[in-house]
Amino acid sequence: MKKLLICGFILATITSCGGKEDHKDISEEAQSKSDGLTELQQKANVVFGTLPLVAENPDNPLNDEKVALGKKLYFDEILSKDTTQSCNTCHSLDAFGVDNNAFSEGNDGELGGRNSPTTFNAALHFVQFWDGREPDVEAQAGGPILNPVEMAMPSEEAVIKRLSGVKEYVGMFLKAFPEDKNPITYDNLKKAIGAFERKLITPSVFDKYLAGDESALSNSEIKGLETFIDVGCIACHTGNLLGGNMYQKFGVFGDYWDYTKSEKIDNGRSDVTNSDADKYFFKVPSLRNIAETYPYFHDGSVQGLKEAVSIMGKSQLNKVLTEKEIDDIVAFLKTLTGDVPDGLKE
């Protein structure tokens, strides 16, 4: 389940110059902001705010042992029926938390029904999955393991039995959950994976720009930011993730499948709520790392970012964006490419 989808006003891209940013430096810059910001920087700070360095959850406090356990579980194929797949299979941290396929192949070779979204920054989203059926990454983490189309484990009990037979996991769960008499539980598995994902935050050069460094973006990228704001993309892609904080109908102006040429019409959130009012509504995707998390939309129906931006203009804003507007927006979107801190990848 993956990427760009909807929203009234889409897009912006990201340049690979985001790379591995120093989280501490960005935080210090944000704290030392002065009145020296340009008018555009001030406006952008109001619209987008500051990206936190960790996605905290008071119901799942982080500690090093829990994060280390979550990392091991995330990369371990032991969580799939035939020990052939891990969380990282469909959400590769070397590929910005995705697999770049329209649909991901499960344990038995069957394809999932929606594009796999990135796990980067996912813990900051207001809900999880395209249809918002889970509230947080802890709840989300347990779903794919038991899903018959995905990792296909038969039951929670089977998962716990398998993990309990591995001496290393016995010790790691004890350290991660020292207050639990029997720490190897499915709930603790979800908490551990969730704790790890809460560290997968990816600041980029855009955050340096917001913190006051006007030179962090080129003139064309700054122009793209202006265009992104002026044409109306920020109606949906706001906040520190530039999305991930609301639902929106895909196809405010016209049927989305007429633009995307989708093979299947997806009802979206209405499949969860059973309400016609939610038909074709999806969670607005974050645009962080959007240049790297193709193909786009809930069904991976569009491969190129420029085409996705053009479709967003038509379907969400009722605007035919010019070639220059699209190029400018894409230049900006590329500044949203960042990476997770060292030590979190395998």
C-alpha atoms as a PDB file:
ATOM      1  CA  MET A   1       0.000   0.000   0.000  1.00  0.00           C
ATOM      2  CA  LYS A   2       1.825   3.040  -0.918  1.00  0.00           C
ATOM      3  CA  LYS A   3       2.077   6.575  -2.003  1.00  0.00           C
ATOM      4  CA  LEU A   4       0.837   9.621  -3.753  1.00  0.00           C
ATOM      5  CA  LEU A   5      -2.886   9.181  -4.138  1.00  0.00           C
ATOM      6  CA  ILE A   6      -5.308  11.819  -3.716  1.00  0.00           C
ATOM      7  CA  CYS A   7      -5.997  14.928  -2.239  1.00  0.00           C
ATOM      8  CA  GLY A   8      -7.028  18.052  -3.497  1.00  0.00           C
ATOM      9  CA  PHE A   9      -3.755  19.237  -4.465  1.00  0.00           C
ATOM     10  CA  ILE A  10      -0.922  17.190  -4.774  1.00  0.00           C
ATOM     11  CA  LEU A  11       2.507  17.098  -5.244  1.00  0.00           C
ATOM     12  CA  ALA A  12       5.907  18.093  -4.975  1.00  0.00           C
ATOM     13  CA  THR A  13       8.995  15.954  -5.421  1.00  0.00           C
ATOM     14  CA  ILE A  14      12.183  15.427  -3.907  1.00  0.00           C
ATOM     15  CA  THR A  15      15.831  15.507  -4.833  1.00  0.00           C
ATOM     16  CA  SER A  16      18.220  12.846  -3.921  1.00  0.00           C
ATOM     17  CA  CYS A  17      20.301  15.570  -2.377  1.00  0.00           C
ATOM     18  CA  GLY A  18      18.159  14.897   0.694  1.00  0.00           C
ATOM     19  CA  GLY A  19      20.231  11.860   1.487  1.00  0.00           C
ATOM     20  CA  LYS A  20      21.388  11.114   4.995  1.00  0.00           C
ATOM     21  CA  GLU A  21      20.708  14.258   6.954  1.00  0.00           C
ATOM     22  CA  ASP A  22      21.991  14.814  10.458  1.00  0.00           C
ATOM     23  CA  HIS A  23      18.874  14.736  12.634  1.00  0.00           C
ATOM     24  CA  LYS A  24      20.566  16.577  15.493  1.00  0.00           C
ATOM     25  CA  ASP A  25      21.750  19.399  13.274  1.00  0.00           C
ATOM     26  CA  ILE A  26      18.283  19.935  11.836  1.00  0.00           C
ATOM     27  CA  SER A  27      16.737  19.955  15.304  1.00  0.00           C
ATOM     28  CA  GLU A  28      19.234  22.532  16.547  1.00  0.00           C
ATOM     29  CA  GLU A  29      18.607  24.691  13.482  1.00  0.00           C
ATOM     30  CA  ALA A  30      14.858  24.559  14.043  1.00  0.00           C
ATOM     31  CA  GLN A  31      15.297  25.608  17.653  1.00  0.00           C
ATOM     32  CA  SER A  32      17.511  28.544  16.742  1.00  0.00           C
ATOM     33  CA  LYS A  33      15.213  30.088  14.121  1.00  0.00           C
ATOM     34  CA  SER A  34      15.334  33.842  14.071  1.00  0.00           C
ATOM     35  CA  ASP A  35      13.508  36.678  12.381  1.00  0.00           C
ATOM     36  CA  GLY A  36      15.811  36.232   9.381  1.00  0.00           C
ATOM     37  CA  LEU A  37      13.409  33.935   7.544  1.00  0.00           C
ATOM     38  CA  THR A  38      12.178  34.978   4.114  1.00  0.00           C
ATOM     39  CA  GLU A  39       8.464  35.494   3.567  1.00  0.00           C
ATOM     40  CA  LEU A  40       8.226  32.132   1.802  1.00  0.00           C
ATOM     41  CA  GLN A  41      10.066  30.358   4.615  1.00  0.00           C
ATOM     42  CA  GLN A  42       7.705  31.906   7.153  1.00  0.00           C
ATOM     43  CA  LYS A  43       4.688  30.835   5.120  1.00  0.00           C
ATOM     44  CA  ALA A  44       6.098  27.317   4.668  1.00  0.00           C
ATOM     45  CA  ASN A  45       6.693  26.981   8.393  1.00  0.00           C
ATOM     46  CA  VAL A  46       3.075  27.868   9.090  1.00  0.00           C
ATOM     47  CA  VAL A  47       1.830  25.335   6.525  1.00  0.00           C
ATOM     48  CA  PHE A  48       4.236  22.470   7.204  1.00  0.00           C
ATOM     49  CA  GLY A  49       5.645  22.949  10.700  1.00  0.00           C
ATOM     50  CA  THR A  50       8.605  21.007  12.080  1.00  0.00           C
ATOM     51  CA  LEU A  51       9.344  17.326  11.530  1.00  0.00           C
ATOM     52  CA  PRO A  52       9.992  15.562  14.862  1.00  0.00           C
ATOM     53  CA  LEU A  53      13.002  13.282  15.145  1.00  0.00           C
ATOM     54  CA  VAL A  54      11.014  10.395  16.636  1.00  0.00           C
ATOM     55  CA  ALA A  55       7.315   9.545  16.492  1.00  0.00           C
ATOM     56  CA  GLU A  56       6.556   9.113  20.186  1.00  0.00           C
ATOM     57  CA  ASN A  57       3.692   7.029  21.549  1.00  0.00           C
ATOM     58  CA  PRO A  58       2.962   7.304  25.291  1.00  0.00           C
ATOM     59  CA  ASP A  59       1.286   3.896  25.161  1.00  0.00           C
ATOM     60  CA  ASN A  60       4.452   2.328  23.766  1.00  0.00           C
ATOM     61  CA  PRO A  61       7.451   4.150  25.277  1.00  0.00           C
ATOM     62  CA  LEU A  62      10.678   3.555  23.387  1.00  0.00           C
ATOM     63  CA  ASN A  63      13.811   2.000  24.776  1.00  0.00           C
ATOM     64  CA  ASP A  64      16.909   0.734  23.003  1.00  0.00           C
ATOM     65  CA  GLU A  65      16.121  -2.905  23.716  1.00  0.00           C
ATOM     66  CA  LYS A  66      12.602  -2.649  22.322  1.00  0.00           C
ATOM     67  CA  VAL A  67      13.798  -0.879  19.173  1.00  0.00           C
ATOM     68  CA  ALA A  68      16.540  -3.496  18.673  1.00  0.00           C
ATOM     69  CA  LEU A  69      13.967  -6.285  18.996  1.00  0.00           C
ATOM     70  CA  GLY A  70      11.650  -4.505  16.574  1.00  0.00           C
ATOM     71  CA  LYS A  71      14.450  -4.134  14.057  1.00  0.00           C
ATOM     72  CA  LYS A  72      15.281  -7.850  14.227  1.00  0.00           C
ATOM     73  CA  LEU A  73      11.629  -8.784  13.805  1.00  0.00           C
ATOM     74  CA  TYR A  74      11.226  -6.354  10.897  1.00  0.00           C
ATOM     75  CA  PHE A  75      13.989  -8.078   8.932  1.00  0.00           C
ATOM     76  CA  ASP A  76      13.291 -11.670  10.021  1.00  0.00           C
ATOM     77  CA  GLU A  77      11.572 -14.058   7.592  1.00  0.00           C
ATOM     78  CA  ILE A  78      10.579 -16.218  10.543  1.00  0.00           C
ATOM     79  CA  LEU A  79       7.333 -14.234  10.665  1.00  0.00           C
ATOM     80  CA  SER A  80       6.065 -15.674   7.378  1.00  0.00           C
ATOM     81  CA  LYS A  81       4.505 -19.101   6.921  1.00  0.00           C
ATOM     82  CA  ASP A  82       7.290 -20.550   4.786  1.00  0.00           C
ATOM     83  CA  THR A  83      10.045 -18.316   6.247  1.00  0.00           C
ATOM     84  CA  THR A  84      10.463 -16.625   2.874  1.00  0.00           C
ATOM     85  CA  GLN A  85       9.300 -13.080   3.647  1.00  0.00           C
ATOM     86  CA  SER A  86       9.879 -10.355   6.187  1.00  0.00           C
ATOM     87  CA  CYS A  87       8.365  -6.913   6.705  1.00  0.00           C
ATOM     88  CA  ASN A  88      11.358  -5.640   4.757  1.00  0.00           C
ATOM     89  CA  THR A  89      10.389  -7.702   1.711  1.00  0.00           C
ATOM     90  CA  CYS A  90       7.555  -5.344   0.796  1.00  0.00           C
ATOM     91  CA  HIS A  91       8.845  -2.361   2.773  1.00  0.00           C
ATOM     92  CA  SER A  92      12.545  -2.400   2.001  1.00  0.00           C
ATOM     93  CA  LEU A  93      14.543   0.145   3.949  1.00  0.00           C
ATOM     94  CA  ASP A  94      17.037   0.184   1.092  1.00  0.00           C
ATOM     95  CA  ALA A  95      14.231   1.316  -1.225  1.00  0.00           C
ATOM     96  CA  PHE A  96      12.711   4.046   0.947  1.00  0.00           C
ATOM     97  CA  GLY A  97      10.352   1.649   2.699  1.00  0.00           C
ATOM     98  CA  VAL A  98       8.650   0.206  -0.398  1.00  0.00           C
ATOM     99  CA  ASP A  99       9.263  -2.434  -3.073  1.00  0.00           C
ATOM    100  CA  ASN A 100       8.450  -0.257  -6.122  1.00  0.00           C
ATOM    101  CA  ASN A 101       5.839  -2.752  -7.331  1.00  0.00           C
ATOM    102  CA  ALA A 102       2.233  -1.889  -8.049  1.00  0.00           C
ATOM    103  CA  PHE A 103       1.169  -4.793  -5.824  1.00  0.00           C
ATOM    104  CA  SER A 104       3.333  -6.916  -3.533  1.00  0.00           C
ATOM    105  CA  GLU A 105       3.600 -10.686  -3.755  1.00  0.00           C
ATOM    106  CA  GLY A 106       2.729 -12.651  -0.630  1.00  0.00           C
ATOM    107  CA  ASN A 107       3.982 -15.906   0.849  1.00  0.00           C
ATOM    108  CA  ASP A 108       1.995 -18.054  -1.579  1.00  0.00           C
ATOM    109  CA  GLY A 109       2.597 -15.906  -4.646  1.00  0.00           C
ATOM    110  CA  GLU A 110      -0.725 -14.069  -4.543  1.00  0.00           C
ATOM    111  CA  LEU A 111      -0.685 -10.310  -5.075  1.00  0.00           C
ATOM    112  CA  GLY A 112      -2.084  -7.877  -2.541  1.00  0.00           C
ATOM    113  CA  GLY A 113      -5.031  -5.684  -3.458  1.00  0.00           C
ATOM    114  CA  ARG A 114      -3.397  -2.293  -2.818  1.00  0.00           C
ATOM    115  CA  ASN A 115      -0.020  -0.715  -3.305  1.00  0.00           C
ATOM    116  CA  SER A 116       2.340  -1.180  -0.338  1.00  0.00           C
ATOM    117  CA  PRO A 117       2.941   2.207   1.321  1.00  0.00           C
ATOM    118  CA  THR A 118       6.283   3.254   2.719  1.00  0.00           C
ATOM    119  CA  THR A 119       7.119   2.601   6.355  1.00  0.00           C
ATOM    120  CA  PHE A 120       9.290   5.738   6.404  1.00  0.00           C
ATOM    121  CA  ASN A 121       7.533   8.340   8.580  1.00  0.00           C
ATOM    122  CA  ALA A 122       4.435   6.103   8.734  1.00  0.00           C
ATOM    123  CA  ALA A 123       4.325   6.360  12.527  1.00  0.00           C
ATOM    124  CA  LEU A 124       3.451  10.059  12.183  1.00  0.00           C
ATOM    125  CA  HIS A 125       0.350   9.366  10.065  1.00  0.00           C
ATOM    126  CA  PHE A 126      -2.995   9.879  11.768  1.00  0.00           C
ATOM    127  CA  VAL A 127      -4.143   6.378  10.743  1.00  0.00           C
ATOM    128  CA  GLN A 128      -2.612   3.400   8.949  1.00  0.00           C
ATOM    129  CA  PHE A 129      -3.405   1.672   5.638  1.00  0.00           C
ATOM    130  CA  TRP A 130      -4.953   3.384   2.646  1.00  0.00           C
ATOM    131  CA  ASP A 131      -8.418   2.982   4.167  1.00  0.00           C
ATOM    132  CA  GLY A 132      -7.420   3.981   7.709  1.00  0.00           C
ATOM    133  CA  ARG A 133      -8.553   0.740   9.281  1.00  0.00           C
ATOM    134  CA  GLU A 134      -5.854   0.755  11.978  1.00  0.00           C
ATOM    135  CA  PRO A 135      -5.002   3.663  14.291  1.00  0.00           C
ATOM    136  CA  ASP A 136      -1.215   3.346  14.578  1.00  0.00           C
ATOM    137  CA  VAL A 137       1.869   1.392  13.509  1.00  0.00           C
ATOM    138  CA  GLU A 138       1.592  -0.937  16.487  1.00  0.00           C
ATOM    139  CA  ALA A 139      -1.870  -2.064  15.402  1.00  0.00           C
ATOM    140  CA  GLN A 140      -0.780  -2.178  11.763  1.00  0.00           C
ATOM    141  CA  ALA A 141       2.277  -4.338  12.444  1.00  0.00           C
ATOM    142  CA  GLY A 142       0.241  -7.368  13.404  1.00  0.00           C
ATOM    143  CA  GLY A 143      -1.973  -7.441  10.320  1.00  0.00           C
ATOM    144  CA  PRO A 144       0.286  -8.551   7.455  1.00  0.00           C
ATOM    145  CA  ILE A 145       1.779 -11.423   9.482  1.00  0.00           C
ATOM    146  CA  LEU A 146      -1.622 -13.112   9.768  1.00  0.00           C
ATOM    147  CA  ASN A 147      -3.034 -11.979   6.426  1.00  0.00           C
ATOM    148  CA  PRO A 148      -3.424 -15.079   4.204  1.00  0.00           C
ATOM    149  CA  VAL A 149      -2.465 -13.087   1.110  1.00  0.00           C
ATOM    150  CA  GLU A 150       0.625 -11.592   2.738  1.00  0.00           C
ATOM    151  CA  MET A 151       2.818 -13.426   5.296  1.00  0.00           C
ATOM    152  CA  ALA A 152       0.133 -16.079   5.900  1.00  0.00           C
ATOM    153  CA  MET A 153       0.942 -17.235   9.423  1.00  0.00           C
ATOM    154  CA  PRO A 154      -2.063 -19.277  10.620  1.00  0.00           C
ATOM    155  CA  SER A 155      -2.525 -17.681  14.053  1.00  0.00           C
ATOM    156  CA  GLU A 156      -1.015 -15.520  16.747  1.00  0.00           C
ATOM    157  CA  GLU A 157      -0.320 -18.674  18.730  1.00  0.00           C
ATOM    158  CA  ALA A 158       1.711 -20.132  15.860  1.00  0.00           C
ATOM    159  CA  VAL A 159       3.790 -16.969  15.681  1.00  0.00           C
ATOM    160  CA  ILE A 160       4.500 -16.973  19.421  1.00  0.00           C
ATOM    161  CA  LYS A 161       5.346 -20.683  19.411  1.00  0.00           C
ATOM    162  CA  ARG A 162       7.860 -20.137  16.623  1.00  0.00           C
ATOM    163  CA  LEU A 163       9.509 -17.159  18.330  1.00  0.00           C
ATOM    164  CA  SER A 164       9.586 -18.925  21.699  1.00  0.00           C
ATOM    165  CA  GLY A 165      11.700 -21.649  20.169  1.00  0.00           C
ATOM    166  CA  VAL A 166      14.499 -19.225  19.320  1.00  0.00           C
ATOM    167  CA  LYS A 167      16.827 -18.635  22.264  1.00  0.00           C
ATOM    168  CA  GLU A 168      17.908 -15.213  21.029  1.00  0.00           C
ATOM    169  CA  TYR A 169      14.313 -13.996  20.896  1.00  0.00           C
ATOM    170  CA  VAL A 170      13.633 -15.261  24.415  1.00  0.00           C
ATOM    171  CA  GLY A 171      16.444 -13.062  25.706  1.00  0.00           C
ATOM    172  CA  MET A 172      15.557 -10.066  23.557  1.00  0.00           C
ATOM    173  CA  PHE A 173      11.903 -10.048  24.623  1.00  0.00           C
ATOM    174  CA  LEU A 174      12.958 -10.269  28.285  1.00  0.00           C
ATOM    175  CA  LYS A 175      15.193  -7.222  27.876  1.00  0.00           C
ATOM    176  CA  ALA A 176      12.635  -5.246  25.874  1.00  0.00           C
ATOM    177  CA  PHE A 177       9.756  -5.956  28.274  1.00  0.00           C
ATOM    178  CA  PRO A 178      11.431  -6.538  31.661  1.00  0.00           C
ATOM    179  CA  GLU A 179       8.253  -6.005  33.663  1.00  0.00           C
ATOM    180  CA  ASP A 180       6.332  -8.769  31.868  1.00  0.00           C
ATOM    181  CA  LYS A 181       6.348 -12.245  33.394  1.00  0.00           C
ATOM    182  CA  ASN A 182       5.756 -13.804  29.958  1.00  0.00           C
ATOM    183  CA  PRO A 183       7.083 -11.186  27.519  1.00  0.00           C
ATOM    184  CA  ILE A 184       6.773 -13.145  24.275  1.00  0.00           C
ATOM    185  CA  THR A 185       3.250 -12.142  23.300  1.00  0.00           C
ATOM    186  CA  TYR A 186       1.708 -11.021  20.055  1.00  0.00           C
ATOM    187  CA  ASP A 187       0.918  -7.644  21.560  1.00  0.00           C
ATOM    188  CA  ASN A 188       4.569  -7.159  22.512  1.00  0.00           C
ATOM    189  CA  LEU A 189       5.643  -8.228  19.033  1.00  0.00           C
ATOM    190  CA  LYS A 190       3.473  -5.437  17.619  1.00  0.00           C
ATOM    191  CA  LYS A 191       4.856  -2.962  20.140  1.00  0.00           C
ATOM    192  CA  ALA A 192       8.442  -3.877  19.257  1.00  0.00           C
ATOM    193  CA  ILE A 193       7.961  -3.518  15.502  1.00  0.00           C
ATOM    194  CA  GLY A 194       6.027  -0.306  16.125  1.00  0.00           C
ATOM    195  CA  ALA A 195       8.852   1.036  18.297  1.00  0.00           C
ATOM    196  CA  PHE A 196      11.344   0.391  15.507  1.00  0.00           C
ATOM    197  CA  GLU A 197       9.125   2.072  12.910  1.00  0.00           C
ATOM    198  CA  ARG A 198       8.790   5.103  15.180  1.00  0.00           C
ATOM    199  CA  LYS A 199      12.467   5.746  14.538  1.00  0.00           C
ATOM    200  CA  LEU A 200      12.098   5.682  10.738  1.00  0.00           C
ATOM    201  CA  ILE A 201      11.853   9.458  10.361  1.00  0.00           C
ATOM    202  CA  THR A 202      13.534  11.044   7.340  1.00  0.00           C
ATOM    203  CA  PRO A 203      14.395  14.752   7.494  1.00  0.00           C
ATOM    204  CA  SER A 204      15.700  16.216   4.254  1.00  0.00           C
ATOM    205  CA  VAL A 205      17.135  19.401   2.807  1.00  0.00           C
ATOM    206  CA  PHE A 206      13.621  20.834   2.906  1.00  0.00           C
ATOM    207  CA  ASP A 207      13.800  20.763   6.707  1.00  0.00           C
ATOM    208  CA  LYS A 208      17.073  22.680   6.583  1.00  0.00           C
ATOM    209  CA  TYR A 209      15.309  25.256   4.429  1.00  0.00           C
ATOM    210  CA  LEU A 210      12.447  25.489   6.925  1.00  0.00           C
ATOM    211  CA  ALA A 211      14.989  25.877   9.730  1.00  0.00           C
ATOM    212  CA  GLY A 212      16.367  28.997   8.095  1.00  0.00           C
ATOM    213  CA  ASP A 213      18.940  27.880   5.528  1.00  0.00           C
ATOM    214  CA  GLU A 214      17.663  29.466   2.319  1.00  0.00           C
ATOM    215  CA  SER A 215      20.640  28.037   0.404  1.00  0.00           C
ATOM    216  CA  ALA A 216      19.437  24.493   1.157  1.00  0.00           C
ATOM    217  CA  LEU A 217      17.156  24.726  -1.896  1.00  0.00           C
ATOM    218  CA  SER A 218      18.009  25.844  -5.397  1.00  0.00           C
ATOM    219  CA  ASN A 219      16.094  28.606  -7.140  1.00  0.00           C
ATOM    220  CA  SER A 220      14.102  26.068  -9.155  1.00  0.00           C
ATOM    221  CA  GLU A 221      13.225  24.115  -6.006  1.00  0.00           C
ATOM    222  CA  ILE A 222      12.106  27.295  -4.249  1.00  0.00           C
ATOM    223  CA  LYS A 223       9.990  28.134  -7.291  1.00  0.00           C
ATOM    224  CA  GLY A 224       8.495  24.654  -7.039  1.00  0.00           C
ATOM    225  CA  LEU A 225       7.586  25.242  -3.400  1.00  0.00           C
ATOM    226  CA  GLU A 226       5.880  28.503  -4.355  1.00  0.00           C
ATOM    227  CA  THR A 227       3.971  26.735  -7.123  1.00  0.00           C
ATOM    228  CA  PHE A 228       3.018  23.860  -4.821  1.00  0.00           C
ATOM    229  CA  ILE A 229       1.478  26.344  -2.418  1.00  0.00           C
ATOM    230  CA  ASP A 230      -0.055  28.695  -4.986  1.00  0.00           C
ATOM    231  CA  VAL A 231      -1.877  26.113  -7.124  1.00  0.00           C
ATOM    232  CA  GLY A 232      -3.531  24.599  -4.039  1.00  0.00           C
ATOM    233  CA  CYS A 233      -1.672  21.352  -3.275  1.00  0.00           C
ATOM    234  CA  ILE A 234      -1.563  22.371   0.387  1.00  0.00           C
ATOM    235  CA  ALA A 235      -5.318  21.919   0.711  1.00  0.00           C
ATOM    236  CA  CYS A 236      -4.501  18.268   1.473  1.00  0.00           C
ATOM    237  CA  HIS A 237      -0.711  17.983   1.611  1.00  0.00           C
ATOM    238  CA  THR A 238      -0.003  19.982   4.736  1.00  0.00           C
ATOM    239  CA  GLY A 239       1.740  19.346   8.035  1.00  0.00           C
ATOM    240  CA  ASN A 240       5.226  18.016   8.627  1.00  0.00           C
ATOM    241  CA  LEU A 241       4.627  15.013   6.359  1.00  0.00           C
ATOM    242  CA  LEU A 242       2.930  17.009   3.603  1.00  0.00           C
ATOM    243  CA  GLY A 243       0.003  14.642   3.954  1.00  0.00           C
ATOM    244  CA  GLY A 244      -0.852  11.639   6.093  1.00  0.00           C
ATOM    245  CA  ASN A 245      -3.233  13.642   8.289  1.00  0.00           C
ATOM    246  CA  MET A 246      -6.663  13.444   6.613  1.00  0.00           C
ATOM    247  CA  TYR A 247      -8.915  11.531   4.210  1.00  0.00           C
ATOM    248  CA  GLN A 248      -9.835  12.845   0.793  1.00  0.00           C
ATOM    249  CA  LYS A 249     -11.847  11.635  -2.123  1.00  0.00           C
ATOM    250  CA  PHE A 250      -9.712  10.537  -5.046  1.00  0.00           C
ATOM    251  CA  GLY A 251     -11.477  12.150  -7.944  1.00  0.00           C
ATOM    252  CA  VAL A 252     -12.991  15.348  -6.563  1.00  0.00           C
ATOM    253  CA  PHE A 253     -13.375  16.403 -10.178  1.00  0.00           C
ATOM    254  CA  GLY A 254     -14.215  13.318 -12.239  1.00  0.00           C
ATOM    255  CA  ASP A 255     -13.709   9.598 -11.720  1.00  0.00           C
ATOM    256  CA  TYR A 256     -10.119   8.783 -10.744  1.00  0.00           C
ATOM    257  CA  TRP A 257      -9.965   5.693 -12.960  1.00  0.00           C
ATOM    258  CA  ASP A 258     -10.552   7.836 -16.035  1.00  0.00           C
ATOM    259  CA  TYR A 259      -7.265   9.567 -15.241  1.00  0.00           C
ATOM    260  CA  THR A 260      -5.240   6.607 -13.946  1.00  0.00           C
ATOM    261  CA  LYS A 261      -6.631   3.937 -16.300  1.00  0.00           C
ATOM    262  CA  SER A 262      -6.916   1.666 -13.257  1.00  0.00           C
ATOM    263  CA  GLU A 263      -7.936  -1.901 -14.029  1.00  0.00           C
ATOM    264  CA  LYS A 264     -10.023  -2.178 -10.855  1.00  0.00           C
ATOM    265  CA  ILE A 265     -12.261   0.406  -9.226  1.00  0.00           C
ATOM    266  CA  ASP A 266     -11.459   0.521  -5.498  1.00  0.00           C
ATOM    267  CA  ASN A 267     -14.203   1.786  -3.184  1.00  0.00           C
ATOM    268  CA  GLY A 268     -11.630   2.969  -0.661  1.00  0.00           C
ATOM    269  CA  ARG A 269     -12.667   3.724   2.902  1.00  0.00           C
ATOM    270  CA  SER A 270     -16.298   2.787   2.314  1.00  0.00           C
ATOM    271  CA  ASP A 271     -15.238  -0.878   2.429  1.00  0.00           C
ATOM    272  CA  VAL A 272     -14.372  -0.260   6.092  1.00  0.00           C
ATOM    273  CA  THR A 273     -17.246   2.011   7.088  1.00  0.00           C
ATOM    274  CA  ASN A 274     -19.938   0.546   4.807  1.00  0.00           C
ATOM    275  CA  SER A 275     -20.976   4.111   4.049  1.00  0.00           C
ATOM    276  CA  ASP A 276     -21.524   5.377   0.528  1.00  0.00           C
ATOM    277  CA  ALA A 277     -20.365   8.781   1.746  1.00  0.00           C
ATOM    278  CA  ASP A 278     -16.839   7.320   2.077  1.00  0.00           C
ATOM    279  CA  LYS A 279     -16.741   5.901  -1.429  1.00  0.00           C
ATOM    280  CA  TYR A 280     -13.396   6.570  -3.160  1.00  0.00           C
ATOM    281  CA  PHE A 281     -11.994   8.242  -0.042  1.00  0.00           C
ATOM    282  CA  PHE A 282      -8.439   7.275   0.932  1.00  0.00           C
ATOM    283  CA  LYS A 283      -5.889   8.491   3.403  1.00  0.00           C
ATOM    284  CA  VAL A 284      -3.960  11.355   1.855  1.00  0.00           C
ATOM    285  CA  PRO A 285      -0.422  10.015   1.438  1.00  0.00           C
ATOM    286  CA  SER A 286       2.621  11.778   2.768  1.00  0.00           C
ATOM    287  CA  LEU A 287       4.836  13.267   0.081  1.00  0.00           C
ATOM    288  CA  ARG A 288       8.011  12.600   2.037  1.00  0.00           C
ATOM    289  CA  ASN A 289      10.327  10.547  -0.229  1.00  0.00           C
ATOM    290  CA  ILE A 290       7.650  10.583  -2.923  1.00  0.00           C
ATOM    291  CA  ALA A 291      10.193  10.723  -5.753  1.00  0.00           C
ATOM    292  CA  GLU A 292      11.476   7.298  -4.666  1.00  0.00           C
ATOM    293  CA  THR A 293       8.266   5.515  -3.697  1.00  0.00           C
ATOM    294  CA  TYR A 294       6.754   4.892  -7.118  1.00  0.00           C
ATOM    295  CA  PRO A 295       4.484   3.628  -8.598  1.00  0.00           C
ATOM    296  CA  TYR A 296       1.799   5.989  -7.368  1.00  0.00           C
ATOM    297  CA  PHE A 297      -1.704   5.941  -5.958  1.00  0.00           C
ATOM    298  CA  HIS A 298      -3.480   3.229  -3.977  1.00  0.00           C
ATOM    299  CA  ASP A 299      -3.246   0.812  -6.895  1.00  0.00           C
ATOM    300  CA  GLY A 300       0.207   1.677  -8.232  1.00  0.00           C
ATOM    301  CA  SER A 301      -1.417   2.572 -11.520  1.00  0.00           C
ATOM    302  CA  VAL A 302       0.938   5.422 -12.453  1.00  0.00           C
ATOM    303  CA  GLN A 303       4.683   4.949 -12.753  1.00  0.00           C
ATOM    304  CA  GLY A 304       5.967   8.487 -13.244  1.00  0.00           C
ATOM    305  CA  LEU A 305       5.867  11.380 -10.799  1.00  0.00           C
ATOM    306  CA  LYS A 306       5.230  14.000 -13.456  1.00  0.00           C
ATOM    307  CA  GLU A 307       2.168  12.116 -14.663  1.00  0.00           C
ATOM    308  CA  ALA A 308       0.959  11.679 -11.077  1.00  0.00           C
ATOM    309  CA  VAL A 309       1.288  15.420 -10.458  1.00  0.00           C
ATOM    310  CA  SER A 310      -0.611  16.168 -13.650  1.00  0.00           C
ATOM    311  CA  ILE A 311      -3.396  13.774 -12.674  1.00  0.00           C
ATOM    312  CA  MET A 312      -3.611  15.340  -9.223  1.00  0.00           C
ATOM    313  CA  GLY A 313      -4.052  18.756 -10.759  1.00  0.00           C
ATOM    314  CA  LYS A 314      -6.931  17.573 -12.912  1.00  0.00           C
ATOM    315  CA  SER A 315      -8.681  15.208 -10.531  1.00  0.00           C
ATOM    316  CA  GLN A 316      -8.238  17.114  -7.280  1.00  0.00           C
ATOM    317  CA  LEU A 317      -7.883  20.769  -8.264  1.00  0.00           C
ATOM    318  CA  ASN A 318      -9.709  20.871 -11.585  1.00  0.00           C
ATOM    319  CA  LYS A 319      -6.596  22.463 -13.060  1.00  0.00           C
ATOM    320  CA  VAL A 320      -4.539  21.594 -16.107  1.00  0.00           C
ATOM    321  CA  LEU A 321      -1.062  22.319 -14.818  1.00  0.00           C
ATOM    322  CA  THR A 322       1.431  23.615 -17.336  1.00  0.00           C
ATOM    323  CA  GLU A 323       4.596  21.698 -18.144  1.00  0.00           C
ATOM    324  CA  LYS A 324       6.607  24.291 -16.233  1.00  0.00           C
ATOM    325  CA  GLU A 325       4.332  24.114 -13.188  1.00  0.00           C
ATOM    326  CA  ILE A 326       4.674  20.335 -13.159  1.00  0.00           C
ATOM    327  CA  ASP A 327       8.461  20.498 -13.540  1.00  0.00           C
ATOM    328  CA  ASP A 328       8.709  23.062 -10.752  1.00  0.00           C
ATOM    329  CA  ILE A 329       6.531  21.010  -8.409  1.00  0.00           C
ATOM    330  CA  VAL A 330       8.550  17.886  -9.124  1.00  0.00           C
ATOM    331  CA  ALA A 331      11.772  19.779  -8.421  1.00  0.00           C
ATOM    332  CA  PHE A 332      10.374  20.735  -5.029  1.00  0.00           C
ATOM    333  CA  LEU A 333       9.093  17.239  -4.290  1.00  0.00           C
ATOM    334  CA  LYS A 334      12.566  15.869  -4.769  1.00  0.00           C
ATOM    335  CA  THR A 335      13.783  18.000  -1.862  1.00  0.00           C
ATOM    336  CA  LEU A 336      11.603  15.819   0.383  1.00  0.00           C
ATOM    337  CA  THR A 337      13.861  12.801  -0.110  1.00  0.00           C
ATOM    338  CA  GLY A 338      15.646  11.914   3.096  1.00  0.00           C
ATOM    339  CA  ASP A 339      16.976   8.790   4.792  1.00  0.00           C
ATOM    340  CA  VAL A 340      16.679   7.063   8.142  1.00  0.00           C
ATOM    341  CA  PRO A 341      19.441   7.442  10.727  1.00  0.00           C
ATOM    342  CA  ASP A 342      22.510   5.235  10.528  1.00  0.00           C
ATOM    343  CA  GLY A 343      22.114   1.927  12.316  1.00  0.00           C
ATOM    344  CA  LEU A 344      18.457   1.330  11.495  1.00  0.00           C
ATOM    345  CA  LYS A 345      19.073  -0.478   8.233  1.00  0.00           C
ATOM    346  CA  GLU A 346      20.219  -4.089   8.146  1.00  0.00           C
END
